[in-house]
Amino acid sequence: MMTRLKVYIDTSVIGGCMDVEFQNTSQLLINKFKKGEMIAVVSELTKTELKRTPRGSEYTHRNT
């Protein structure tokens, strides 16, 4: 069995999905997490910051 890479992400990765300049790269990374190819590691601070965004509940209730 191959060990999946754990990758720390912060709000800039999530925000990058909404920014035209970084959207493609950020979305590729998020898709790897969704497919189970990598594991996203998110700090409590990042979760708190995401909860304060308009779409925050979408992010903080997944795989927490």
N, C-alpha and C. Protein backbone atom coordinates (compact mmCIF):
# COMPACT_ATOMS: atom_id res chain seq x y z
N MET A 1 0.84 -1.18 0.00
CA MET A 1 0.00 0.00 0.00
C MET A 1 0.89 1.25 0.00
N MET A 2 0.56 2.20 -0.84
CA MET A 2 1.32 3.43 -0.95
C MET A 2 0.82 4.46 0.07
N THR A 3 1.73 5.11 0.76
CA THR A 3 1.37 6.14 1.73
C THR A 3 1.00 7.41 0.98
N ARG A 4 -0.15 7.98 1.38
CA ARG A 4 -0.57 9.23 0.74
C ARG A 4 0.15 10.41 1.39
N LEU A 5 0.52 11.36 0.57
CA LEU A 5 1.20 12.57 1.01
C LEU A 5 0.22 13.45 1.77
N LYS A 6 0.64 13.95 2.94
CA LYS A 6 -0.14 14.91 3.70
C LYS A 6 0.37 16.30 3.36
N VAL A 7 -0.57 17.19 3.00
CA VAL A 7 -0.21 18.54 2.57
C VAL A 7 -0.96 19.55 3.43
N TYR A 8 -0.20 20.44 4.09
CA TYR A 8 -0.82 21.50 4.88
C TYR A 8 -1.34 22.57 3.93
N ILE A 9 -2.60 22.95 4.12
CA ILE A 9 -3.15 24.05 3.32
C ILE A 9 -3.71 25.11 4.26
N ASP A 10 -3.70 26.34 3.79
CA ASP A 10 -4.30 27.42 4.55
C ASP A 10 -5.34 28.13 3.68
N THR A 11 -5.84 29.23 4.14
CA THR A 11 -6.92 29.91 3.42
C THR A 11 -6.50 30.37 2.02
N SER A 12 -5.22 30.57 1.80
CA SER A 12 -4.79 31.03 0.47
C SER A 12 -5.04 29.97 -0.60
N VAL A 13 -4.97 28.69 -0.23
CA VAL A 13 -5.25 27.62 -1.20
C VAL A 13 -6.74 27.62 -1.55
N ILE A 14 -7.58 27.72 -0.53
CA ILE A 14 -9.03 27.77 -0.77
C ILE A 14 -9.39 29.03 -1.55
N GLY A 15 -8.83 30.16 -1.12
CA GLY A 15 -9.09 31.42 -1.82
C GLY A 15 -8.60 31.39 -3.26
N GLY A 16 -7.53 30.64 -3.50
CA GLY A 16 -7.01 30.53 -4.85
C GLY A 16 -8.01 29.92 -5.82
N CYS A 17 -8.92 29.11 -5.30
CA CYS A 17 -9.96 28.51 -6.15
C CYS A 17 -10.92 29.57 -6.68
N MET A 18 -10.98 30.71 -6.01
CA MET A 18 -11.88 31.78 -6.41
C MET A 18 -11.18 32.89 -7.19
N ASP A 19 -9.87 32.78 -7.34
CA ASP A 19 -9.06 33.81 -7.99
C ASP A 19 -8.63 33.31 -9.37
N VAL A 20 -8.93 34.07 -10.39
CA VAL A 20 -8.63 33.67 -11.77
C VAL A 20 -7.16 33.30 -11.95
N GLU A 21 -6.27 34.05 -11.32
CA GLU A 21 -4.84 33.82 -11.48
C GLU A 21 -4.39 32.46 -10.94
N PHE A 22 -5.00 32.01 -9.84
CA PHE A 22 -4.58 30.78 -9.17
C PHE A 22 -5.58 29.64 -9.26
N GLN A 23 -6.71 29.88 -9.90
CA GLN A 23 -7.82 28.94 -9.90
C GLN A 23 -7.45 27.55 -10.41
N ASN A 24 -6.79 27.46 -11.53
CA ASN A 24 -6.46 26.15 -12.11
C ASN A 24 -5.57 25.33 -11.19
N THR A 25 -4.51 25.93 -10.71
CA THR A 25 -3.56 25.21 -9.85
C THR A 25 -4.20 24.81 -8.53
N SER A 26 -4.92 25.73 -7.91
CA SER A 26 -5.59 25.43 -6.64
C SER A 26 -6.63 24.33 -6.82
N GLN A 27 -7.38 24.38 -7.89
CA GLN A 27 -8.41 23.38 -8.12
C GLN A 27 -7.81 22.00 -8.38
N LEU A 28 -6.67 21.95 -9.06
CA LEU A 28 -5.99 20.67 -9.27
C LEU A 28 -5.60 20.04 -7.93
N LEU A 29 -5.09 20.86 -7.02
CA LEU A 29 -4.72 20.37 -5.71
C LEU A 29 -5.95 19.89 -4.93
N ILE A 30 -7.01 20.68 -4.93
CA ILE A 30 -8.25 20.30 -4.23
C ILE A 30 -8.80 19.00 -4.80
N ASN A 31 -8.74 18.83 -6.10
CA ASN A 31 -9.23 17.60 -6.73
C ASN A 31 -8.43 16.38 -6.27
N LYS A 32 -7.13 16.54 -6.05
CA LYS A 32 -6.32 15.44 -5.54
C LYS A 32 -6.77 15.04 -4.14
N PHE A 33 -7.17 16.02 -3.33
CA PHE A 33 -7.70 15.71 -2.00
C PHE A 33 -9.03 14.97 -2.13
N LYS A 34 -9.89 15.45 -3.00
CA LYS A 34 -11.21 14.82 -3.18
C LYS A 34 -11.09 13.38 -3.67
N LYS A 35 -10.11 13.11 -4.53
CA LYS A 35 -9.90 11.76 -5.07
C LYS A 35 -9.19 10.85 -4.07
N GLY A 36 -8.71 11.42 -2.97
CA GLY A 36 -7.99 10.62 -1.99
C GLY A 36 -6.54 10.38 -2.34
N GLU A 37 -6.03 11.11 -3.32
CA GLU A 37 -4.63 10.95 -3.72
C GLU A 37 -3.67 11.57 -2.71
N MET A 38 -4.14 12.60 -2.02
CA MET A 38 -3.38 13.28 -0.97
C MET A 38 -4.33 13.59 0.18
N ILE A 39 -3.75 13.87 1.32
CA ILE A 39 -4.55 14.21 2.50
C ILE A 39 -4.31 15.68 2.83
N ALA A 40 -5.39 16.45 2.95
CA ALA A 40 -5.28 17.86 3.33
C ALA A 40 -5.18 17.95 4.85
N VAL A 41 -4.23 18.73 5.30
CA VAL A 41 -4.07 19.01 6.73
C VAL A 41 -4.41 20.49 6.91
N VAL A 42 -5.39 20.75 7.79
CA VAL A 42 -5.89 22.11 7.98
C VAL A 42 -5.84 22.45 9.47
N SER A 43 -5.28 23.60 9.80
CA SER A 43 -5.17 24.00 11.20
C SER A 43 -6.52 24.52 11.72
N GLU A 44 -6.63 24.58 13.03
CA GLU A 44 -7.84 25.13 13.65
C GLU A 44 -8.00 26.60 13.28
N LEU A 45 -6.90 27.33 13.17
CA LEU A 45 -6.97 28.74 12.76
C LEU A 45 -7.55 28.87 11.36
N THR A 46 -7.11 28.03 10.44
CA THR A 46 -7.64 28.07 9.08
C THR A 46 -9.12 27.74 9.07
N LYS A 47 -9.54 26.74 9.85
CA LYS A 47 -10.96 26.40 9.94
C LYS A 47 -11.77 27.59 10.45
N THR A 48 -11.25 28.29 11.45
CA THR A 48 -11.93 29.47 12.00
C THR A 48 -12.02 30.56 10.94
N GLU A 49 -10.93 30.79 10.22
CA GLU A 49 -10.94 31.81 9.16
C GLU A 49 -11.95 31.46 8.08
N LEU A 50 -12.03 30.19 7.71
CA LEU A 50 -12.96 29.77 6.66
C LEU A 50 -14.42 29.91 7.10
N LYS A 51 -14.68 29.67 8.37
CA LYS A 51 -16.05 29.81 8.89
C LYS A 51 -16.56 31.23 8.74
N ARG A 52 -15.65 32.18 8.71
CA ARG A 52 -16.01 33.60 8.61
C ARG A 52 -16.28 34.06 7.18
N THR A 53 -16.07 33.18 6.22
CA THR A 53 -16.30 33.54 4.82
C THR A 53 -17.74 33.24 4.43
N PRO A 54 -18.25 33.86 3.36
CA PRO A 54 -19.63 33.60 2.94
C PRO A 54 -19.92 32.13 2.66
N ARG A 55 -18.94 31.37 2.18
CA ARG A 55 -19.14 29.95 1.86
C ARG A 55 -18.46 29.05 2.90
N GLY A 56 -18.17 29.61 4.05
CA GLY A 56 -17.40 28.91 5.07
C GLY A 56 -17.93 27.56 5.48
N SER A 57 -19.23 27.43 5.63
CA SER A 57 -19.76 26.14 6.10
C SER A 57 -19.52 25.03 5.08
N GLU A 58 -19.38 25.38 3.82
CA GLU A 58 -19.10 24.37 2.79
C GLU A 58 -17.73 23.73 3.02
N TYR A 59 -16.78 24.50 3.51
CA TYR A 59 -15.42 24.02 3.69
C TYR A 59 -15.20 23.37 5.04
N THR A 60 -15.79 23.91 6.07
CA THR A 60 -15.46 23.45 7.42
C THR A 60 -16.23 22.21 7.84
N HIS A 61 -17.22 21.79 7.11
CA HIS A 61 -17.96 20.58 7.46
C HIS A 61 -17.51 19.36 6.67
N ARG A 62 -16.54 19.51 5.82
CA ARG A 62 -16.01 18.39 5.05
C ARG A 62 -14.76 17.85 5.72
N ASN A 63 -14.74 16.59 5.96
CA ASN A 63 -13.55 15.90 6.45
C ASN A 63 -12.84 16.61 7.60
N THR A 64 -13.59 17.07 8.57
CA THR A 64 -12.95 17.74 9.71
C THR A 64 -12.76 16.79 10.84
